[in-house]
C-alpha atoms as a PDB file:
ATOM      1  CA  MET A   1       0.000   0.000   0.000  1.00  0.00           C
ATOM      2  CA  LEU A   2       2.961   2.345   0.549  1.00  0.00           C
ATOM      3  CA  ALA A   3       3.467   2.468  -3.230  1.00  0.00           C
ATOM      4  CA  PHE A   4       0.251   4.468  -3.799  1.00  0.00           C
ATOM      5  CA  PRO A   5       0.955   7.477  -1.530  1.00  0.00           C
ATOM      6  CA  VAL A   6       4.581   7.492  -2.677  1.00  0.00           C
ATOM      7  CA  ALA A   7       3.497   7.525  -6.330  1.00  0.00           C
ATOM      8  CA  MET A   8       1.024  10.293  -5.569  1.00  0.00           C
ATOM      9  CA  ALA A   9       3.722  12.356  -3.840  1.00  0.00           C
ATOM     10  CA  VAL A  10       6.030  11.945  -6.843  1.00  0.00           C
ATOM     11  CA  VAL A  11       3.306  13.041  -9.285  1.00  0.00           C
ATOM     12  CA  LEU A  12       2.469  16.073  -7.136  1.00  0.00           C
ATOM     13  CA  VAL A  13       6.115  17.141  -6.830  1.00  0.00           C
ATOM     14  CA  VAL A  14       6.716  16.782 -10.576  1.00  0.00           C
ATOM     15  CA  LEU A  15       3.543  18.699 -11.412  1.00  0.00           C
ATOM     16  CA  THR A  16       4.401  21.408  -8.882  1.00  0.00           C
ATOM     17  CA  VAL A  17       7.760  21.943 -10.557  1.00  0.00           C
ATOM     18  CA  ALA A  18       6.138  22.103 -14.012  1.00  0.00           C
ATOM     19  CA  LEU A  19       3.564  24.647 -12.869  1.00  0.00           C
ATOM     20  CA  GLY A  20       6.184  26.651 -11.001  1.00  0.00           C
ATOM     21  CA  ARG A  21       8.212  26.972 -14.190  1.00  0.00           C
ATOM     22  CA  ALA A  22       5.119  28.052 -16.114  1.00  0.00           C
ATOM     23  CA  TYR A  23       4.399  30.700 -13.483  1.00  0.00           C
ATOM     24  CA  ALA A  24       7.980  31.967 -13.580  1.00  0.00           C
ATOM     25  CA  ARG A  25       7.583  32.614 -17.311  1.00  0.00           C
ATOM     26  CA  ARG A  26       4.043  33.966 -17.481  1.00  0.00           C
ATOM     27  CA  ARG A  27       3.273  35.230 -13.943  1.00  0.00           C
ATOM     28  CA  GLY A  28      -0.390  34.297 -14.180  1.00  0.00           C
ATOM     29  CA  PRO A  29      -2.341  34.369 -10.888  1.00  0.00           C
ATOM     30  CA  HIS A  30      -4.021  31.086 -11.819  1.00  0.00           C
ATOM     31  CA  GLN A  31      -0.604  29.458 -12.220  1.00  0.00           C
ATOM     32  CA  ALA A  32       0.480  30.803  -8.839  1.00  0.00           C
ATOM     33  CA  ALA A  33      -2.635  29.373  -7.152  1.00  0.00           C
ATOM     34  CA  TRP A  34      -2.225  25.989  -8.834  1.00  0.00           C
ATOM     35  CA  THR A  35       1.460  25.826  -7.930  1.00  0.00           C
ATOM     36  CA  VAL A  36       0.694  26.535  -4.272  1.00  0.00           C
ATOM     37  CA  ALA A  37      -2.180  24.016  -4.311  1.00  0.00           C
ATOM     38  CA  LEU A  38      -0.037  21.195  -5.645  1.00  0.00           C
ATOM     39  CA  ALA A  39       2.866  22.044  -3.352  1.00  0.00           C
ATOM     40  CA  VAL A  40       0.467  21.942  -0.391  1.00  0.00           C
ATOM     41  CA  GLY A  41      -0.889  18.610  -1.637  1.00  0.00           C
ATOM     42  CA  ALA A  42       2.635  17.217  -1.893  1.00  0.00           C
ATOM     43  CA  VAL A  43       3.431  18.363   1.659  1.00  0.00           C
ATOM     44  CA  GLY A  44       0.247  16.718   2.908  1.00  0.00           C
ATOM     45  CA  THR A  45       1.021  13.425   1.179  1.00  0.00           C
ATOM     46  CA  LEU A  46       4.592  13.353   2.478  1.00  0.00           C
ATOM     47  CA  ALA A  47       3.327  14.146   5.979  1.00  0.00           C
ATOM     48  CA  TYR A  48       0.930  11.208   5.740  1.00  0.00           C
ATOM     49  CA  ILE A  49       3.722   8.851   4.698  1.00  0.00           C
ATOM     50  CA  GLY A  50       5.838  10.124   7.587  1.00  0.00           C
ATOM     51  CA  CYS A  51       2.934   9.689  10.000  1.00  0.00           C
ATOM     52  CA  VAL A  52       2.481   6.026   9.115  1.00  0.00           C
ATOM     53  CA  LEU A  53       6.193   5.233   9.053  1.00  0.00           C
ATOM     54  CA  ALA A  54       6.564   6.925  12.462  1.00  0.00           C
ATOM     55  CA  GLY A  55       3.928   4.657  13.968  1.00  0.00           C
ATOM     56  CA  GLY A  56       1.033   7.118  13.866  1.00  0.00           C
ATOM     57  CA  ASP A  57       2.465  10.522  14.707  1.00  0.00           C
ATOM     58  CA  PRO A  58      -0.470  12.874  15.545  1.00  0.00           C
ATOM     59  CA  ALA A  59       1.299  16.079  14.454  1.00  0.00           C
ATOM     60  CA  LEU A  60       2.156  14.678  11.028  1.00  0.00           C
ATOM     61  CA  PHE A  61      -1.387  13.367  10.610  1.00  0.00           C
ATOM     62  CA  LYS A  62      -2.771  16.851  11.278  1.00  0.00           C
ATOM     63  CA  VAL A  63      -0.371  18.347   8.735  1.00  0.00           C
ATOM     64  CA  TYR A  64      -1.624  15.779   6.228  1.00  0.00           C
ATOM     65  CA  TYR A  65      -5.243  16.595   6.987  1.00  0.00           C
ATOM     66  CA  VAL A  66      -4.845  20.380   6.868  1.00  0.00           C
ATOM     67  CA  ALA A  67      -2.699  20.415   3.731  1.00  0.00           C
ATOM     68  CA  GLY A  68      -4.101  17.492   1.777  1.00  0.00           C
ATOM     69  CA  ALA A  69      -7.703  17.137   2.886  1.00  0.00           C
ATOM     70  CA  LEU A  70      -8.619  20.753   3.659  1.00  0.00           C
ATOM     71  CA  LEU A  71      -6.605  23.137   1.460  1.00  0.00           C
ATOM     72  CA  THR A  72      -5.559  21.436  -1.789  1.00  0.00           C
ATOM     73  CA  ALA A  73      -8.966  21.309  -3.505  1.00  0.00           C
ATOM     74  CA  PRO A  74     -10.052  24.905  -2.756  1.00  0.00           C
ATOM     75  CA  LEU A  75      -6.657  26.247  -3.854  1.00  0.00           C
ATOM     76  CA  LEU A  76      -7.006  24.400  -7.152  1.00  0.00           C
ATOM     77  CA  GLY A  77     -10.449  25.929  -7.472  1.00  0.00           C
ATOM     78  CA  LEU A  78      -8.970  29.369  -6.823  1.00  0.00           C
ATOM     79  CA  GLY A  79      -6.670  28.928  -9.800  1.00  0.00           C
ATOM     80  CA  SER A  80      -9.636  28.082 -11.998  1.00  0.00           C
ATOM     81  CA  MET A  81     -11.590  31.077 -10.717  1.00  0.00           C
ATOM     82  CA  TYR A  82      -8.777  33.377 -11.858  1.00  0.00           C
ATOM     83  CA  LEU A  83      -9.481  32.195 -15.412  1.00  0.00           C
ATOM     84  CA  LEU A  84     -12.957  33.725 -15.389  1.00  0.00           C
ATOM     85  CA  PRO A  85     -13.436  37.058 -17.210  1.00  0.00           C
ATOM     86  CA  ARG A  86     -14.220  38.942 -13.971  1.00  0.00           C
ATOM     87  CA  VAL A  87     -11.516  38.775 -11.311  1.00  0.00           C
ATOM     88  CA  ARG A  88     -13.927  39.823  -8.549  1.00  0.00           C
ATOM     89  CA  TRP A  89     -15.317  36.274  -8.413  1.00  0.00           C
ATOM     90  CA  ALA A  90     -11.815  34.975  -7.741  1.00  0.00           C
ATOM     91  CA  ARG A  91     -11.421  37.536  -4.954  1.00  0.00           C
ATOM     92  CA  VAL A  92     -14.692  36.491  -3.343  1.00  0.00           C
ATOM     93  CA  TYR A  93     -13.653  32.853  -3.644  1.00  0.00           C
ATOM     94  CA  LEU A  94     -10.270  33.690  -2.103  1.00  0.00           C
ATOM     95  CA  GLY A  95     -11.989  35.316   0.866  1.00  0.00           C
ATOM     96  CA  VAL A  96     -14.155  32.247   1.433  1.00  0.00           C
ATOM     97  CA  THR A  97     -11.084  30.018   1.167  1.00  0.00           C
ATOM     98  CA  VAL A  98      -9.107  32.082   3.686  1.00  0.00           C
ATOM     99  CA  VAL A  99     -11.931  32.134   6.241  1.00  0.00           C
ATOM    100  CA  GLY A 100     -12.874  28.489   5.743  1.00  0.00           C
ATOM    101  CA  GLY A 101      -9.253  27.391   5.735  1.00  0.00           C
ATOM    102  CA  ALA A 102      -8.534  29.236   8.979  1.00  0.00           C
ATOM    103  CA  LEU A 103     -11.580  27.774  10.723  1.00  0.00           C
ATOM    104  CA  GLY A 104     -10.892  24.276   9.435  1.00  0.00           C
ATOM    105  CA  THR A 105      -7.260  24.450  10.474  1.00  0.00           C
ATOM    106  CA  VAL A 106      -8.235  25.458  14.004  1.00  0.00           C
ATOM    107  CA  GLY A 107     -10.731  22.593  14.112  1.00  0.00           C
ATOM    108  CA  ILE A 108      -8.243  20.015  12.867  1.00  0.00           C
ATOM    109  CA  VAL A 109      -5.358  21.155  15.049  1.00  0.00           C
ATOM    110  CA  GLY A 110      -7.598  21.210  18.108  1.00  0.00           C
ATOM    111  CA  GLN A 111      -9.093  17.773  17.395  1.00  0.00           C
ATOM    112  CA  PRO A 112      -7.912  15.136  19.916  1.00  0.00           C
ATOM    113  CA  LEU A 113      -6.724  12.049  18.045  1.00  0.00           C
ATOM    114  CA  ASP A 114      -6.941   8.429  19.077  1.00  0.00           C
ATOM    115  CA  ARG A 115      -3.308   7.292  19.182  1.00  0.00           C
ATOM    116  CA  ALA A 116      -4.291   3.615  18.952  1.00  0.00           C
ATOM    117  CA  ALA A 117      -6.334   4.330  15.816  1.00  0.00           C
ATOM    118  CA  LEU A 118      -3.413   6.238  14.327  1.00  0.00           C
ATOM    119  CA  GLN A 119      -1.069   3.332  14.977  1.00  0.00           C
ATOM    120  CA  ALA A 120      -3.546   1.012  13.234  1.00  0.00           C
ATOM    121  CA  LEU A 121      -3.994   3.373  10.261  1.00  0.00           C
ATOM    122  CA  ASP A 122      -2.176   1.018   7.862  1.00  0.00           C
ATOM    123  CA  PHE A 123      -2.305   3.541   4.985  1.00  0.00           C
ATOM    124  CA  GLY A 124      -6.033   4.078   5.265  1.00  0.00           C
ATOM    125  CA  PRO A 125      -7.247   7.668   4.630  1.00  0.00           C
ATOM    126  CA  GLY A 126      -8.083   8.206   8.304  1.00  0.00           C
ATOM    127  CA  ALA A 127     -11.266  10.163   7.596  1.00  0.00           C
ATOM    128  CA  GLY A 128     -12.966   8.846  10.717  1.00  0.00           C
ATOM    129  CA  LEU A 129     -10.280  10.235  13.009  1.00  0.00           C
ATOM    130  CA  VAL A 130     -11.380  13.846  12.492  1.00  0.00           C
ATOM    131  CA  HIS A 131     -14.983  14.468  13.483  1.00  0.00           C
ATOM    132  CA  ALA A 132     -15.123  17.915  15.141  1.00  0.00           C
ATOM    133  CA  PRO A 133     -17.777  20.123  13.438  1.00  0.00           C
ATOM    134  CA  LEU A 134     -15.315  23.025  13.234  1.00  0.00           C
ATOM    135  CA  ALA A 135     -13.086  20.776  11.116  1.00  0.00           C
ATOM    136  CA  LEU A 136     -15.686  18.917   9.062  1.00  0.00           C
ATOM    137  CA  VAL A 137     -17.963  21.778   7.997  1.00  0.00           C
ATOM    138  CA  PRO A 138     -15.199  23.918   6.419  1.00  0.00           C
ATOM    139  CA  LEU A 139     -13.644  20.787   4.915  1.00  0.00           C
ATOM    140  CA  VAL A 140     -16.864  19.741   3.167  1.00  0.00           C
ATOM    141  CA  VAL A 141     -17.678  23.284   2.015  1.00  0.00           C
ATOM    142  CA  LEU A 142     -14.187  24.033   0.670  1.00  0.00           C
ATOM    143  CA  ASN A 143     -13.793  20.679  -1.074  1.00  0.00           C
ATOM    144  CA  THR A 144     -17.181  21.072  -2.719  1.00  0.00           C
ATOM    145  CA  LEU A 145     -16.358  24.594  -3.873  1.00  0.00           C
ATOM    146  CA  GLY A 146     -12.982  23.491  -5.208  1.00  0.00           C
ATOM    147  CA  THR A 147     -14.409  20.579  -7.176  1.00  0.00           C
ATOM    148  CA  VAL A 148     -17.233  22.686  -8.634  1.00  0.00           C
ATOM    149  CA  ALA A 149     -14.814  25.495  -9.560  1.00  0.00           C
ATOM    150  CA  VAL A 150     -12.263  23.301 -11.328  1.00  0.00           C
ATOM    151  CA  ALA A 151     -14.799  21.105 -13.107  1.00  0.00           C
ATOM    152  CA  GLY A 152     -17.163  23.975 -13.883  1.00  0.00           C
ATOM    153  CA  VAL A 153     -14.530  26.268 -15.370  1.00  0.00           C
ATOM    154  CA  GLY A 154     -13.041  23.290 -17.211  1.00  0.00           C
ATOM    155  CA  VAL A 155     -16.360  22.402 -18.833  1.00  0.00           C
ATOM    156  CA  TRP A 156     -17.019  26.073 -19.672  1.00  0.00           C
ATOM    157  CA  SER A 157     -13.604  26.361 -21.292  1.00  0.00           C
ATOM    158  CA  LEU A 158     -14.018  23.037 -23.106  1.00  0.00           C
ATOM    159  CA  VAL A 159     -17.373  24.042 -24.578  1.00  0.00           C
ATOM    160  CA  GLY A 160     -15.929  27.374 -25.677  1.00  0.00           C
ATOM    161  CA  ALA A 161     -12.937  25.646 -27.268  1.00  0.00           C
ATOM    162  CA  LEU A 162     -15.170  23.292 -29.228  1.00  0.00           C
ATOM    163  CA  ARG A 163     -17.347  26.135 -30.447  1.00  0.00           C
ATOM    164  CA  ARG A 164     -14.341  28.138 -31.604  1.00  0.00           C
ATOM    165  CA  GLN A 165     -12.647  25.058 -33.071  1.00  0.00           C
ATOM    166  CA  ARG A 166      -9.480  25.476 -31.064  1.00  0.00           C
ATOM    167  CA  PRO A 167      -6.478  23.201 -31.795  1.00  0.00           C
ATOM    168  CA  TRP A 168      -6.850  19.656 -30.488  1.00  0.00           C
ATOM    169  CA  PRO A 169      -4.242  19.964 -27.668  1.00  0.00           C
ATOM    170  CA  PHE A 170      -6.292  22.771 -26.127  1.00  0.00           C
ATOM    171  CA  VAL A 171      -9.519  20.752 -26.329  1.00  0.00           C
ATOM    172  CA  ALA A 172      -7.940  17.461 -25.188  1.00  0.00           C
ATOM    173  CA  GLY A 173      -6.085  19.129 -22.333  1.00  0.00           C
ATOM    174  CA  ASN A 174      -9.297  20.689 -21.042  1.00  0.00           C
ATOM    175  CA  ALA A 175     -11.115  17.362 -21.285  1.00  0.00           C
ATOM    176  CA  LEU A 176      -8.386  15.591 -19.319  1.00  0.00           C
ATOM    177  CA  ILE A 177      -8.496  18.251 -16.594  1.00  0.00           C
ATOM    178  CA  VAL A 178     -12.245  17.731 -16.183  1.00  0.00           C
ATOM    179  CA  VAL A 179     -11.832  13.943 -16.054  1.00  0.00           C
ATOM    180  CA  ALA A 180      -9.001  14.263 -13.517  1.00  0.00           C
ATOM    181  CA  THR A 181     -11.124  16.501 -11.301  1.00  0.00           C
ATOM    182  CA  LEU A 182     -13.949  13.977 -11.280  1.00  0.00           C
ATOM    183  CA  LEU A 183     -11.529  11.139 -10.467  1.00  0.00           C
ATOM    184  CA  ILE A 184     -10.047  13.068  -7.549  1.00  0.00           C
ATOM    185  CA  ALA A 185     -13.525  13.937  -6.260  1.00  0.00           C
ATOM    186  CA  ALA A 186     -14.536  10.269  -6.473  1.00  0.00           C
ATOM    187  CA  ALA A 187     -11.393   9.306  -4.570  1.00  0.00           C
ATOM    188  CA  GLY A 188     -12.391  11.781  -1.871  1.00  0.00           C
ATOM    189  CA  SER A 189     -15.659   9.896  -1.531  1.00  0.00           C
ATOM    190  CA  MET A 190     -13.656   6.716  -1.011  1.00  0.00           C
ATOM    191  CA  ALA A 191     -11.854   8.457   1.853  1.00  0.00           C
ATOM    192  CA  ARG A 192     -15.152   9.241   3.591  1.00  0.00           C
ATOM    193  CA  LEU A 193     -16.028   5.545   3.230  1.00  0.00           C
ATOM    194  CA  ASP A 194     -12.612   4.760   4.776  1.00  0.00           C
ATOM    195  CA  HIS A 195     -11.656   2.733   1.691  1.00  0.00           C
ATOM    196  CA  GLY A 196      -7.879   3.105   1.709  1.00  0.00           C
ATOM    197  CA  LEU A 197      -7.078   1.319  -1.562  1.00  0.00           C
ATOM    198  CA  GLY A 198      -9.793   3.145  -3.504  1.00  0.00           C
ATOM    199  CA  PHE A 199      -8.721   6.487  -2.039  1.00  0.00           C
ATOM    200  CA  TRP A 200      -5.000   6.288  -2.797  1.00  0.00           C
ATOM    201  CA  ALA A 201      -5.428   4.548  -6.165  1.00  0.00           C
ATOM    202  CA  GLY A 202      -8.093   7.030  -7.263  1.00  0.00           C
ATOM    203  CA  MET A 203      -6.096  10.044  -6.119  1.00  0.00           C
ATOM    204  CA  THR A 204      -2.920   8.785  -7.793  1.00  0.00           C
ATOM    205  CA  VAL A 205      -4.674   8.093 -11.088  1.00  0.00           C
ATOM    206  CA  GLY A 206      -6.498  11.429 -10.894  1.00  0.00           C
ATOM    207  CA  TRP A 207      -3.311  13.453 -10.363  1.00  0.00           C
ATOM    208  CA  ALA A 208      -1.555  11.462 -13.104  1.00  0.00           C
ATOM    209  CA  VAL A 209      -4.377  12.271 -15.550  1.00  0.00           C
ATOM    210  CA  LEU A 210      -4.132  15.919 -14.500  1.00  0.00           C
ATOM    211  CA  TYR A 211      -0.425  15.841 -15.251  1.00  0.00           C
ATOM    212  CA  VAL A 212      -1.062  14.346 -18.694  1.00  0.00           C
ATOM    213  CA  GLY A 213      -3.575  17.117 -19.288  1.00  0.00           C
ATOM    214  CA  VAL A 214      -0.924  19.705 -18.421  1.00  0.00           C
ATOM    215  CA  LEU A 215       1.547  18.086 -20.826  1.00  0.00           C
ATOM    216  CA  VAL A 216      -1.041  17.995 -23.609  1.00  0.00           C
ATOM    217  CA  MET A 217      -1.894  21.644 -22.983  1.00  0.00           C
ATOM    218  CA  GLY A 218       1.828  22.358 -23.261  1.00  0.00           C
ATOM    219  CA  ALA A 219       1.610  21.487 -26.956  1.00  0.00           C
ATOM    220  CA  TYR A 220      -0.743  24.429 -27.457  1.00  0.00           C
ATOM    221  CA  HIS A 221       0.998  27.747 -28.108  1.00  0.00           C
ATOM    222  CA  PRO A 222      -1.514  30.598 -27.857  1.00  0.00           C
ATOM    223  CA  SER A 223       1.038  33.195 -28.967  1.00  0.00           C
ATOM    224  CA  ALA A 224       0.462  31.965 -32.495  1.00  0.00           C
ATOM    225  CA  VAL A 225      -3.295  32.368 -32.238  1.00  0.00           C
ATOM    226  CA  ARG A 226      -5.244  35.585 -32.570  1.00  0.00           C
ATOM    227  CA  GLY A 227      -7.288  36.678 -29.630  1.00  0.00           C
ATOM    228  CA  ARG A 228      -5.006  35.107 -27.055  1.00  0.00           C
ATOM    229  CA  ALA A 229      -6.200  37.466 -24.335  1.00  0.00           C
ATOM    230  CA  SER A 230      -9.793  36.300 -24.685  1.00  0.00           C
ATOM    231  CA  GLU A 231      -9.003  32.625 -24.147  1.00  0.00           C
ATOM    232  CA  ALA A 232      -9.666  30.985 -20.767  1.00  0.00           C
ATOM    233  CA  PRO A 233      -7.892  27.599 -20.478  1.00  0.00           C
ATOM    234  CA  SER A 234      -8.577  25.365 -17.492  1.00  0.00           C
ATOM    235  CA  ALA A 235      -4.976  24.215 -17.129  1.00  0.00           C
ATOM    236  CA  PRO A 236      -1.544  25.848 -17.264  1.00  0.00           C
ATOM    237  CA  ARG A 237       0.610  25.494 -20.358  1.00  0.00           C
ATOM    238  CA  PRO A 238       4.234  24.971 -19.332  1.00  0.00           C
ATOM    239  CA  ALA A 239       6.616  25.581 -22.179  1.00  0.00           C
END
């Protein structure tokens, strides 16, 4: 079972580097948000691995839950919101994310954990260990918002690309991003069912599909296309 979280951590680190390079060249706010989101996800996954290998360390488990379970999805959604024509929606979303993230972090950090259950985690997602309302309510709200934002903006961009007959890498990349988002959301459902294999396998496959989508989008060069400023892709295009 260790292979799944390790593979997921590797995918997240590689994708973080790719997005960080894209941001360094283009300085897009959506790229900055996505880079932070994936870096936070990588930190959470590594903290989880460390927690299990350390025999159920409570501090590392809380880092995993704050970074991976609470913050990654809404930060990805924030990146997508910055692709909308009106930036004010991204600012509103950012405010909700900051408030919800702060409340959820307080709830998770203050949640007493069953040390025996942590020691018996055995690479399960550990969803049942955190049950304080102050942790769960922000977690559910922020994850829902993140999934809706990424998938919604992705579908919107995909439909627009098809209507305008954009090059196939742009269309295919958008489609892969939408599929990846749905896979990651489904894996989150596996976590709530405490299905460890389904959670880690689904998350790993979802992030891998997202990475493929980023690579495919990288084959699209908008500088050669008229009206570049009016386009709203749902994934970064590292070059």
